[in-house]
Amino acid sequence: YLQEEGYRQQMRQVVEPYLKRYRRCGRFCSYDGTQIFYCAYVRRHAR
């Protein structure tokens, strides 16, 4: 868990690189043609 002190630095230097390992972004077309953006963070053998 992240602490308050140095939070933004930890987010930039630790959390964002960690998320990037799992993240893929895309769009899908909804029922009326609206384009919906999403992020998926996919682990192998997820629980």
All heavy atoms as atom14 arrays in JSON, in Angstrom:
{
  "sequence": "YLQEEGYRQQMRQVVEPYLKRYRRCGRFCSYDGTQIFYCAYVRRHAR",
  "atom14_mask": [
    [1, 1, 1, 1, 1, 1, 1, 1, 1, 1, 1, 1, 0, 0],
    [1, 1, 1, 1, 1, 1, 1, 1, 0, 0, 0, 0, 0, 0],
    [1, 1, 1, 1, 1, 1, 1, 1, 1, 0, 0, 0, 0, 0],
    [1, 1, 1, 1, 1, 1, 1, 1, 1, 0, 0, 0, 0, 0],
    [1, 1, 1, 1, 1, 1, 1, 1, 1, 0, 0, 0, 0, 0],
    [1, 1, 1, 1, 0, 0, 0, 0, 0, 0, 0, 0, 0, 0],
    [1, 1, 1, 1, 1, 1, 1, 1, 1, 1, 1, 1, 0, 0],
    [1, 1, 1, 1, 1, 1, 1, 1, 1, 1, 1, 0, 0, 0],
    [1, 1, 1, 1, 1, 1, 1, 1, 1, 0, 0, 0, 0, 0],
    [1, 1, 1, 1, 1, 1, 1, 1, 1, 0, 0, 0, 0, 0],
    [1, 1, 1, 1, 1, 1, 1, 1, 0, 0, 0, 0, 0, 0],
    [1, 1, 1, 1, 1, 1, 1, 1, 1, 1, 1, 0, 0, 0],
    [1, 1, 1, 1, 1, 1, 1, 1, 1, 0, 0, 0, 0, 0],
    [1, 1, 1, 1, 1, 1, 1, 0, 0, 0, 0, 0, 0, 0],
    [1, 1, 1, 1, 1, 1, 1, 0, 0, 0, 0, 0, 0, 0],
    [1, 1, 1, 1, 1, 1, 1, 1, 1, 0, 0, 0, 0, 0],
    [1, 1, 1, 1, 1, 1, 1, 0, 0, 0, 0, 0, 0, 0],
    [1, 1, 1, 1, 1, 1, 1, 1, 1, 1, 1, 1, 0, 0],
    [1, 1, 1, 1, 1, 1, 1, 1, 0, 0, 0, 0, 0, 0],
    [1, 1, 1, 1, 1, 1, 1, 1, 1, 0, 0, 0, 0, 0],
    [1, 1, 1, 1, 1, 1, 1, 1, 1, 1, 1, 0, 0, 0],
    [1, 1, 1, 1, 1, 1, 1, 1, 1, 1, 1, 1, 0, 0],
    [1, 1, 1, 1, 1, 1, 1, 1, 1, 1, 1, 0, 0, 0],
    [1, 1, 1, 1, 1, 1, 1, 1, 1, 1, 1, 0, 0, 0],
    [1, 1, 1, 1, 1, 1, 0, 0, 0, 0, 0, 0, 0, 0],
    [1, 1, 1, 1, 0, 0, 0, 0, 0, 0, 0, 0, 0, 0],
    [1, 1, 1, 1, 1, 1, 1, 1, 1, 1, 1, 0, 0, 0],
    [1, 1, 1, 1, 1, 1, 1, 1, 1, 1, 1, 0, 0, 0],
    [1, 1, 1, 1, 1, 1, 0, 0, 0, 0, 0, 0, 0, 0],
    [1, 1, 1, 1, 1, 1, 0, 0, 0, 0, 0, 0, 0, 0],
    [1, 1, 1, 1, 1, 1, 1, 1, 1, 1, 1, 1, 0, 0],
    [1, 1, 1, 1, 1, 1, 1, 1, 0, 0, 0, 0, 0, 0],
    [1, 1, 1, 1, 0, 0, 0, 0, 0, 0, 0, 0, 0, 0],
    [1, 1, 1, 1, 1, 1, 1, 0, 0, 0, 0, 0, 0, 0],
    [1, 1, 1, 1, 1, 1, 1, 1, 1, 0, 0, 0, 0, 0],
    [1, 1, 1, 1, 1, 1, 1, 1, 0, 0, 0, 0, 0, 0],
    [1, 1, 1, 1, 1, 1, 1, 1, 1, 1, 1, 0, 0, 0],
    [1, 1, 1, 1, 1, 1, 1, 1, 1, 1, 1, 1, 0, 0],
    [1, 1, 1, 1, 1, 1, 0, 0, 0, 0, 0, 0, 0, 0],
    [1, 1, 1, 1, 1, 0, 0, 0, 0, 0, 0, 0, 0, 0],
    [1, 1, 1, 1, 1, 1, 1, 1, 1, 1, 1, 1, 0, 0],
    [1, 1, 1, 1, 1, 1, 1, 0, 0, 0, 0, 0, 0, 0],
    [1, 1, 1, 1, 1, 1, 1, 1, 1, 1, 1, 0, 0, 0],
    [1, 1, 1, 1, 1, 1, 1, 1, 1, 1, 1, 0, 0, 0],
    [1, 1, 1, 1, 1, 1, 1, 1, 1, 1, 0, 0, 0, 0],
    [1, 1, 1, 1, 1, 0, 0, 0, 0, 0, 0, 0, 0, 0],
    [1, 1, 1, 1, 1, 1, 1, 1, 1, 1, 1, 0, 0, 0]
  ],
  "atom14_positions": [
    [[0.83, -1.2, 0.0], [0.0, 0.0, 0.0], [0.87, 1.25, 0.0], [1.91, 1.31, 0.67], [-0.91, 0.01, 1.23], [-1.97, -1.06, 1.21], [-1.9, -2.17, 2.05], [-3.06, -0.98, 0.34], [-2.87, -3.16, 2.03], [-4.03, -1.96, 0.32], [-3.94, -3.04, 1.16], [-4.9, -4.03, 1.12], [0.0, 0.0, 0.0], [0.0, 0.0, 0.0]],
    [[0.43, 2.27, -0.72], [1.17, 3.52, -0.85], [0.89, 4.45, 0.32], [-0.24, 4.54, 0.79], [0.81, 4.22, -2.16], [1.05, 3.43, -3.44], [0.56, 4.23, -4.63], [2.51, 3.07, -3.59], [0.0, 0.0, 0.0], [0.0, 0.0, 0.0], [0.0, 0.0, 0.0], [0.0, 0.0, 0.0], [0.0, 0.0, 0.0], [0.0, 0.0, 0.0]],
    [[1.91, 5.16, 0.76], [1.78, 6.15, 1.82], [1.46, 7.52, 1.23], [1.53, 7.73, 0.01], [3.08, 6.23, 2.64], [3.54, 4.9, 3.21], [2.58, 4.35, 4.24], [2.1, 5.07, 5.11], [2.3, 3.05, 4.15], [0.0, 0.0, 0.0], [0.0, 0.0, 0.0], [0.0, 0.0, 0.0], [0.0, 0.0, 0.0], [0.0, 0.0, 0.0]],
    [[1.13, 8.46, 2.08], [0.86, 9.82, 1.63], [2.14, 10.53, 1.19], [2.19, 11.16, 0.14], [0.18, 10.61, 2.76], [-0.19, 12.05, 2.4], [-1.44, 12.15, 1.54], [-2.08, 11.1, 1.28], [-1.77, 13.27, 1.11], [0.0, 0.0, 0.0], [0.0, 0.0, 0.0], [0.0, 0.0, 0.0], [0.0, 0.0, 0.0], [0.0, 0.0, 0.0]],
    [[3.17, 10.38, 2.0], [4.43, 11.06, 1.69], [5.06, 10.46, 0.42], [5.24, 9.26, 0.31], [5.41, 10.93, 2.86], [6.7, 11.69, 2.66], [7.62, 11.61, 3.87], [7.19, 11.04, 4.9], [8.75, 12.11, 3.79], [0.0, 0.0, 0.0], [0.0, 0.0, 0.0], [0.0, 0.0, 0.0], [0.0, 0.0, 0.0], [0.0, 0.0, 0.0]],
    [[5.39, 11.32, -0.51], [5.99, 10.87, -1.75], [5.05, 10.12, -2.67], [5.5, 9.4, -3.58], [0.0, 0.0, 0.0], [0.0, 0.0, 0.0], [0.0, 0.0, 0.0], [0.0, 0.0, 0.0], [0.0, 0.0, 0.0], [0.0, 0.0, 0.0], [0.0, 0.0, 0.0], [0.0, 0.0, 0.0], [0.0, 0.0, 0.0], [0.0, 0.0, 0.0]],
    [[3.75, 10.29, -2.47], [2.76, 9.52, -3.21], [2.87, 9.73, -4.72], [2.95, 8.75, -5.48], [1.35, 9.89, -2.74], [0.24, 9.26, -3.55], [-0.15, 7.95, -3.3], [-0.4, 9.95, -4.57], [-1.17, 7.35, -4.04], [-1.41, 9.37, -5.31], [-1.78, 8.07, -5.05], [-2.78, 7.48, -5.79], [0.0, 0.0, 0.0], [0.0, 0.0, 0.0]],
    [[2.9, 10.98, -5.16], [2.91, 11.23, -6.6], [4.18, 10.69, -7.26], [4.13, 10.18, -8.37], [2.74, 12.73, -6.87], [1.29, 13.2, -6.76], [1.15, 14.67, -7.02], [1.6, 15.46, -5.87], [1.78, 16.77, -5.9], [1.59, 17.43, -7.02], [2.16, 17.42, -4.82], [0.0, 0.0, 0.0], [0.0, 0.0, 0.0], [0.0, 0.0, 0.0]],
    [[5.28, 10.78, -6.55], [6.53, 10.24, -7.08], [6.44, 8.72, -7.2], [6.87, 8.13, -8.21], [7.69, 10.63, -6.17], [9.04, 10.15, -6.69], [10.18, 10.59, -5.78], [9.98, 11.21, -4.74], [11.41, 10.25, -6.17], [0.0, 0.0, 0.0], [0.0, 0.0, 0.0], [0.0, 0.0, 0.0], [0.0, 0.0, 0.0], [0.0, 0.0, 0.0]],
    [[5.86, 8.05, -6.19], [5.7, 6.6, -6.26], [4.76, 6.2, -7.38], [4.98, 5.18, -8.05], [5.16, 6.08, -4.93], [6.14, 6.09, -3.79], [5.57, 5.38, -2.57], [5.58, 4.15, -2.48], [5.06, 6.16, -1.64], [0.0, 0.0, 0.0], [0.0, 0.0, 0.0], [0.0, 0.0, 0.0], [0.0, 0.0, 0.0], [0.0, 0.0, 0.0]],
    [[3.72, 6.98, -7.58], [2.79, 6.67, -8.66], [3.5, 6.73, -10.02], [3.31, 5.85, -10.87], [1.6, 7.63, -8.65], [0.64, 7.42, -7.49], [-0.18, 5.8, -7.5], [-1.2, 5.93, -8.96], [0.0, 0.0, 0.0], [0.0, 0.0, 0.0], [0.0, 0.0, 0.0], [0.0, 0.0, 0.0], [0.0, 0.0, 0.0], [0.0, 0.0, 0.0]],
    [[4.3, 7.76, -10.22], [4.98, 7.93, -11.51], [6.09, 6.9, -11.7], [6.26, 6.37, -12.8], [5.59, 9.33, -11.59], [4.59, 10.47, -11.43], [3.77, 10.7, -12.67], [2.93, 11.89, -12.53], [2.05, 12.3, -13.43], [1.9, 11.61, -14.54], [1.32, 13.38, -13.23], [0.0, 0.0, 0.0], [0.0, 0.0, 0.0], [0.0, 0.0, 0.0]],
    [[6.84, 6.61, -10.64], [8.05, 5.79, -10.77], [7.82, 4.3, -10.53], [8.59, 3.48, -11.03], [9.13, 6.31, -9.83], [9.59, 7.73, -10.14], [10.67, 8.23, -9.2], [11.1, 7.51, -8.29], [11.12, 9.46, -9.39], [0.0, 0.0, 0.0], [0.0, 0.0, 0.0], [0.0, 0.0, 0.0], [0.0, 0.0, 0.0], [0.0, 0.0, 0.0]],
    [[6.78, 3.96, -9.74], [6.55, 2.56, -9.38], [5.24, 2.04, -9.98], [5.23, 1.03, -10.7], [6.54, 2.38, -7.85], [6.24, 0.92, -7.49], [7.86, 2.81, -7.24], [0.0, 0.0, 0.0], [0.0, 0.0, 0.0], [0.0, 0.0, 0.0], [0.0, 0.0, 0.0], [0.0, 0.0, 0.0], [0.0, 0.0, 0.0], [0.0, 0.0, 0.0]],
    [[4.15, 2.73, -9.67], [2.84, 2.2, -10.03], [2.6, 2.24, -11.55], [2.19, 1.23, -12.14], [1.73, 2.97, -9.29], [0.35, 2.51, -9.78], [1.86, 2.76, -7.79], [0.0, 0.0, 0.0], [0.0, 0.0, 0.0], [0.0, 0.0, 0.0], [0.0, 0.0, 0.0], [0.0, 0.0, 0.0], [0.0, 0.0, 0.0], [0.0, 0.0, 0.0]],
    [[2.86, 3.37, -12.18], [2.56, 3.48, -13.61], [3.38, 2.49, -14.45], [2.82, 1.85, -15.36], [2.75, 4.92, -14.07], [1.68, 5.84, -13.52], [1.83, 7.29, -13.97], [2.67, 7.55, -14.85], [1.12, 8.16, -13.43], [0.0, 0.0, 0.0], [0.0, 0.0, 0.0], [0.0, 0.0, 0.0], [0.0, 0.0, 0.0], [0.0, 0.0, 0.0]],
    [[4.68, 2.3, -14.19], [5.42, 1.26, -14.92], [4.87, -0.14, -14.67], [4.83, -0.99, -15.57], [6.85, 1.41, -14.4], [6.96, 2.82, -13.95], [5.61, 3.13, -13.38], [0.0, 0.0, 0.0], [0.0, 0.0, 0.0], [0.0, 0.0, 0.0], [0.0, 0.0, 0.0], [0.0, 0.0, 0.0], [0.0, 0.0, 0.0], [0.0, 0.0, 0.0]],
    [[4.43, -0.39, -13.42], [3.85, -1.7, -13.08], [2.57, -1.92, -13.87], [2.36, -3.0, -14.45], [3.58, -1.75, -11.59], [2.94, -3.03, -11.09], [3.72, -4.12, -10.73], [1.56, -3.14, -10.97], [3.14, -5.3, -10.27], [0.97, -4.31, -10.51], [1.77, -5.38, -10.16], [1.18, -6.54, -9.71], [0.0, 0.0, 0.0], [0.0, 0.0, 0.0]],
    [[1.7, -0.91, -13.92], [0.44, -1.04, -14.65], [0.68, -1.24, -16.15], [-0.05, -1.98, -16.81], [-0.44, 0.19, -14.43], [-0.9, 0.48, -13.0], [-1.8, 1.69, -12.97], [-1.61, -0.72, -12.4], [0.0, 0.0, 0.0], [0.0, 0.0, 0.0], [0.0, 0.0, 0.0], [0.0, 0.0, 0.0], [0.0, 0.0, 0.0], [0.0, 0.0, 0.0]],
    [[1.69, -0.57, -16.66], [1.98, -0.64, -18.1], [2.29, -2.06, -18.53], [2.02, -2.44, -19.68], [3.14, 0.28, -18.43], [3.39, 0.48, -19.92], [4.48, 1.5, -20.16], [4.71, 1.7, -21.66], [5.79, 2.7, -21.91], [0.0, 0.0, 0.0], [0.0, 0.0, 0.0], [0.0, 0.0, 0.0], [0.0, 0.0, 0.0], [0.0, 0.0, 0.0]],
    [[2.83, -2.87, -17.63], [3.15, -4.26, -17.96], [1.89, -5.07, -18.29], [1.95, -6.05, -19.04], [3.88, -4.91, -16.79], [5.3, -4.41, -16.57], [5.82, -4.75, -15.19], [5.54, -6.13, -14.78], [5.67, -6.57, -13.52], [6.08, -5.74, -12.57], [5.42, -7.82, -13.23], [0.0, 0.0, 0.0], [0.0, 0.0, 0.0], [0.0, 0.0, 0.0]],
    [[0.78, -4.69, -17.71], [-0.45, -5.46, -17.86], [-1.49, -4.78, -18.77], [-2.42, -5.44, -19.22], [-1.1, -5.69, -16.5], [-0.24, -6.47, -15.52], [0.54, -5.81, -14.58], [-0.21, -7.86, -15.56], [1.31, -6.53, -13.67], [0.57, -8.58, -14.68], [1.34, -7.9, -13.73], [2.11, -8.62, -12.86], [0.0, 0.0, 0.0], [0.0, 0.0, 0.0]],
    [[-1.33, -3.49, -19.01], [-2.42, -2.71, -19.64], [-2.43, -2.83, -21.15], [-1.4, -2.81, -21.81], [-2.27, -1.24, -19.26], [-3.4, -0.35, -19.82], [-3.22, 1.09, -19.4], [-2.0, 1.65, -19.93], [-1.08, 2.26, -19.19], [-1.25, 2.39, -17.89], [0.02, 2.74, -19.73], [0.0, 0.0, 0.0], [0.0, 0.0, 0.0], [0.0, 0.0, 0.0]],
    [[-3.64, -2.96, -21.65], [-3.89, -2.73, -23.07], [-5.18, -1.93, -23.16], [-6.12, -2.16, -22.4], [-3.99, -4.05, -23.84], [-5.17, -4.93, -23.45], [-5.23, -6.16, -24.34], [-6.35, -7.03, -24.01], [-7.59, -6.87, -24.46], [-7.86, -5.85, -25.27], [-8.55, -7.7, -24.11], [0.0, 0.0, 0.0], [0.0, 0.0, 0.0], [0.0, 0.0, 0.0]],
    [[-5.2, -0.99, -24.07], [-6.36, -0.12, -24.22], [-7.01, -0.36, -25.57], [-6.36, -0.78, -26.53], [-5.96, 1.35, -24.09], [-5.25, 1.77, -22.48], [0.0, 0.0, 0.0], [0.0, 0.0, 0.0], [0.0, 0.0, 0.0], [0.0, 0.0, 0.0], [0.0, 0.0, 0.0], [0.0, 0.0, 0.0], [0.0, 0.0, 0.0], [0.0, 0.0, 0.0]],
    [[-8.29, -0.11, -25.63], [-9.0, -0.3, -26.89], [-10.35, 0.41, -26.87], [-10.67, 1.15, -25.93], [0.0, 0.0, 0.0], [0.0, 0.0, 0.0], [0.0, 0.0, 0.0], [0.0, 0.0, 0.0], [0.0, 0.0, 0.0], [0.0, 0.0, 0.0], [0.0, 0.0, 0.0], [0.0, 0.0, 0.0], [0.0, 0.0, 0.0], [0.0, 0.0, 0.0]],
    [[-11.11, 0.17, -27.9], [-12.47, 0.7, -28.02], [-13.37, -0.4, -28.54], [-12.94, -1.3, -29.24], [-12.51, 1.89, -29.0], [-11.66, 3.07, -28.59], [-11.69, 4.17, -29.65], [-10.74, 5.21, -29.32], [-11.0, 6.25, -28.53], [-12.22, 6.36, -28.0], [-10.09, 7.15, -28.26], [0.0, 0.0, 0.0], [0.0, 0.0, 0.0], [0.0, 0.0, 0.0]],
    [[-14.64, -0.29, -28.18], [-15.62, -1.18, -28.77], [-16.85, -0.37, -29.14], [-17.1, 0.72, -28.59], [-15.98, -2.34, -27.83], [-16.83, -1.95, -26.64], [-18.2, -2.05, -26.69], [-16.23, -1.5, -25.47], [-18.99, -1.7, -25.59], [-16.99, -1.15, -24.38], [-18.37, -1.25, -24.43], [0.0, 0.0, 0.0], [0.0, 0.0, 0.0], [0.0, 0.0, 0.0]],
    [[-17.6, -0.88, -30.07], [-18.79, -0.18, -30.56], [-20.0, -0.66, -29.75], [-20.3, -1.85, -29.73], [-18.97, -0.48, -32.04], [-20.31, 0.44, -32.82], [0.0, 0.0, 0.0], [0.0, 0.0, 0.0], [0.0, 0.0, 0.0], [0.0, 0.0, 0.0], [0.0, 0.0, 0.0], [0.0, 0.0, 0.0], [0.0, 0.0, 0.0], [0.0, 0.0, 0.0]],
    [[-20.67, 0.27, -29.09], [-21.82, -0.1, -28.27], [-23.06, -0.29, -29.14], [-23.02, -0.18, -30.36], [-22.07, 0.96, -27.19], [-22.99, 0.48, -26.23], [0.0, 0.0, 0.0], [0.0, 0.0, 0.0], [0.0, 0.0, 0.0], [0.0, 0.0, 0.0], [0.0, 0.0, 0.0], [0.0, 0.0, 0.0], [0.0, 0.0, 0.0], [0.0, 0.0, 0.0]],
    [[-24.19, -0.54, -28.51], [-25.42, -0.94, -29.2], [-25.92, 0.1, -30.19], [-26.57, -0.23, -31.18], [-26.52, -1.25, -28.17], [-27.04, -0.01, -27.48], [-28.2, 0.62, -27.91], [-26.34, 0.56, -26.42], [-28.67, 1.77, -27.29], [-26.79, 1.7, -25.8], [-27.96, 2.3, -26.24], [-28.4, 3.44, -25.62], [0.0, 0.0, 0.0], [0.0, 0.0, 0.0]],
    [[-25.62, 1.4, -29.94], [-26.1, 2.47, -30.81], [-24.99, 3.09, -31.64], [-25.16, 4.17, -32.22], [-26.8, 3.55, -29.98], [-25.85, 4.2, -28.97], [-24.71, 3.7, -28.78], [-26.24, 5.23, -28.36], [0.0, 0.0, 0.0], [0.0, 0.0, 0.0], [0.0, 0.0, 0.0], [0.0, 0.0, 0.0], [0.0, 0.0, 0.0], [0.0, 0.0, 0.0]],
    [[-23.84, 2.43, -31.7], [-22.73, 2.94, -32.49], [-21.74, 3.79, -31.71], [-20.7, 4.18, -32.25], [0.0, 0.0, 0.0], [0.0, 0.0, 0.0], [0.0, 0.0, 0.0], [0.0, 0.0, 0.0], [0.0, 0.0, 0.0], [0.0, 0.0, 0.0], [0.0, 0.0, 0.0], [0.0, 0.0, 0.0], [0.0, 0.0, 0.0], [0.0, 0.0, 0.0]],
    [[-22.04, 4.1, -30.45], [-21.14, 4.91, -29.63], [-19.84, 4.14, -29.37], [-19.87, 2.98, -28.98], [-21.8, 5.28, -28.3], [-23.0, 6.03, -28.56], [-20.87, 6.11, -27.43], [0.0, 0.0, 0.0], [0.0, 0.0, 0.0], [0.0, 0.0, 0.0], [0.0, 0.0, 0.0], [0.0, 0.0, 0.0], [0.0, 0.0, 0.0], [0.0, 0.0, 0.0]],
    [[-18.73, 4.82, -29.55], [-17.42, 4.22, -29.31], [-17.04, 4.38, -27.84], [-16.97, 5.5, -27.33], [-16.36, 4.87, -30.2], [-16.53, 4.6, -31.69], [-16.26, 3.15, -32.04], [-15.29, 2.55, -31.57], [-17.13, 2.57, -32.86], [0.0, 0.0, 0.0], [0.0, 0.0, 0.0], [0.0, 0.0, 0.0], [0.0, 0.0, 0.0], [0.0, 0.0, 0.0]],
    [[-16.81, 3.26, -27.16], [-16.48, 3.26, -25.75], [-15.01, 2.86, -25.57], [-14.58, 1.8, -26.03], [-17.38, 2.28, -24.96], [-18.86, 2.61, -25.17], [-17.01, 2.3, -23.48], [-19.29, 3.97, -24.66], [0.0, 0.0, 0.0], [0.0, 0.0, 0.0], [0.0, 0.0, 0.0], [0.0, 0.0, 0.0], [0.0, 0.0, 0.0], [0.0, 0.0, 0.0]],
    [[-14.27, 3.73, -24.9], [-12.85, 3.48, -24.63], [-12.72, 2.67, -23.34], [-13.5, 2.84, -22.4], [-12.12, 4.82, -24.46], [-10.67, 4.69, -24.09], [-9.7, 4.55, -25.07], [-10.27, 4.73, -22.76], [-8.36, 4.44, -24.72], [-8.94, 4.61, -22.4], [-7.98, 4.46, -23.39], [0.0, 0.0, 0.0], [0.0, 0.0, 0.0], [0.0, 0.0, 0.0]],
    [[-11.71, 1.79, -23.29], [-11.5, 1.01, -22.07], [-10.03, 0.7, -21.88], [-9.22, 0.75, -22.82], [-12.3, -0.3, -22.12], [-11.81, -1.29, -23.15], [-10.8, -2.22, -22.84], [-12.33, -1.3, -24.44], [-10.34, -3.12, -23.78], [-11.88, -2.21, -25.38], [-10.88, -3.11, -25.05], [-10.42, -3.99, -26.0], [0.0, 0.0, 0.0], [0.0, 0.0, 0.0]],
    [[-9.68, 0.36, -20.64], [-8.37, -0.18, -20.3], [-8.57, -1.56, -19.68], [-9.45, -1.74, -18.84], [-7.65, 0.72, -19.29], [-7.15, 2.33, -19.96], [0.0, 0.0, 0.0], [0.0, 0.0, 0.0], [0.0, 0.0, 0.0], [0.0, 0.0, 0.0], [0.0, 0.0, 0.0], [0.0, 0.0, 0.0], [0.0, 0.0, 0.0], [0.0, 0.0, 0.0]],
    [[-7.77, -2.51, -20.11], [-7.8, -3.85, -19.56], [-6.41, -4.18, -19.01], [-5.41, -3.97, -19.7], [-8.2, -4.87, -20.62], [0.0, 0.0, 0.0], [0.0, 0.0, 0.0], [0.0, 0.0, 0.0], [0.0, 0.0, 0.0], [0.0, 0.0, 0.0], [0.0, 0.0, 0.0], [0.0, 0.0, 0.0], [0.0, 0.0, 0.0], [0.0, 0.0, 0.0]],
    [[-6.38, -4.65, -17.77], [-5.13, -5.03, -17.11], [-5.22, -6.53, -16.85], [-5.9, -6.97, -15.91], [-4.95, -4.26, -15.81], [-5.04, -2.76, -15.96], [-6.28, -2.11, -16.0], [-3.9, -1.98, -16.09], [-6.37, -0.74, -16.15], [-3.98, -0.6, -16.23], [-5.22, 0.01, -16.26], [-5.3, 1.37, -16.41], [0.0, 0.0, 0.0], [0.0, 0.0, 0.0]],
    [[-4.55, -7.32, -17.68], [-4.78, -8.76, -17.71], [-3.59, -9.51, -17.14], [-2.46, -9.38, -17.6], [-5.07, -9.23, -19.15], [-5.34, -10.73, -19.17], [-6.25, -8.47, -19.74], [0.0, 0.0, 0.0], [0.0, 0.0, 0.0], [0.0, 0.0, 0.0], [0.0, 0.0, 0.0], [0.0, 0.0, 0.0], [0.0, 0.0, 0.0], [0.0, 0.0, 0.0]],
    [[-3.87, -10.29, -16.1], [-2.87, -11.19, -15.49], [-3.06, -12.61, -16.03], [-4.19, -13.03, -16.27], [-3.03, -11.24, -13.97], [-2.67, -10.0, -13.22], [-2.63, -10.32, -11.73], [-1.61, -11.32, -11.47], [-0.5, -11.09, -10.77], [-0.28, -9.91, -10.26], [0.38, -12.04, -10.58], [0.0, 0.0, 0.0], [0.0, 0.0, 0.0], [0.0, 0.0, 0.0]],
    [[-1.96, -13.33, -16.17], [-2.07, -14.75, -16.47], [-2.49, -15.48, -15.2], [-2.07, -15.13, -14.1], [-0.73, -15.29, -16.96], [-0.28, -14.75, -18.3], [1.02, -15.4, -18.72], [0.86, -16.85, -18.9], [1.89, -17.67, -19.12], [3.12, -17.2, -19.15], [1.66, -18.97, -19.26], [0.0, 0.0, 0.0], [0.0, 0.0, 0.0], [0.0, 0.0, 0.0]],
    [[-3.36, -16.46, -15.36], [-3.83, -17.27, -14.23], [-4.46, -16.38, -13.14], [-4.24, -16.6, -11.95], [-2.7, -18.1, -13.65], [-1.92, -18.88, -14.67], [-2.5, -19.82, -15.49], [-0.61, -18.81, -15.03], [-1.58, -20.33, -16.3], [-0.43, -19.73, -16.05], [0.0, 0.0, 0.0], [0.0, 0.0, 0.0], [0.0, 0.0, 0.0], [0.0, 0.0, 0.0]],
    [[-5.23, -15.39, -13.55], [-5.88, -14.5, -12.59], [-6.9, -15.27, -11.76], [-7.54, -16.22, -12.23], [-6.57, -13.35, -13.33], [0.0, 0.0, 0.0], [0.0, 0.0, 0.0], [0.0, 0.0, 0.0], [0.0, 0.0, 0.0], [0.0, 0.0, 0.0], [0.0, 0.0, 0.0], [0.0, 0.0, 0.0], [0.0, 0.0, 0.0], [0.0, 0.0, 0.0]],
    [[-7.09, -14.84, -10.52], [-8.07, -15.48, -9.64], [-9.48, -14.99, -9.93], [-10.46, -15.5, -9.36], [-7.72, -15.27, -8.17], [-7.69, -13.82, -7.74], [-7.65, -13.7, -6.22], [-6.49, -14.37, -5.66], [-6.33, -14.59, -4.35], [-7.25, -14.17, -3.5], [-5.25, -15.19, -3.9], [0.0, 0.0, 0.0], [0.0, 0.0, 0.0], [0.0, 0.0, 0.0]]
  ]
}
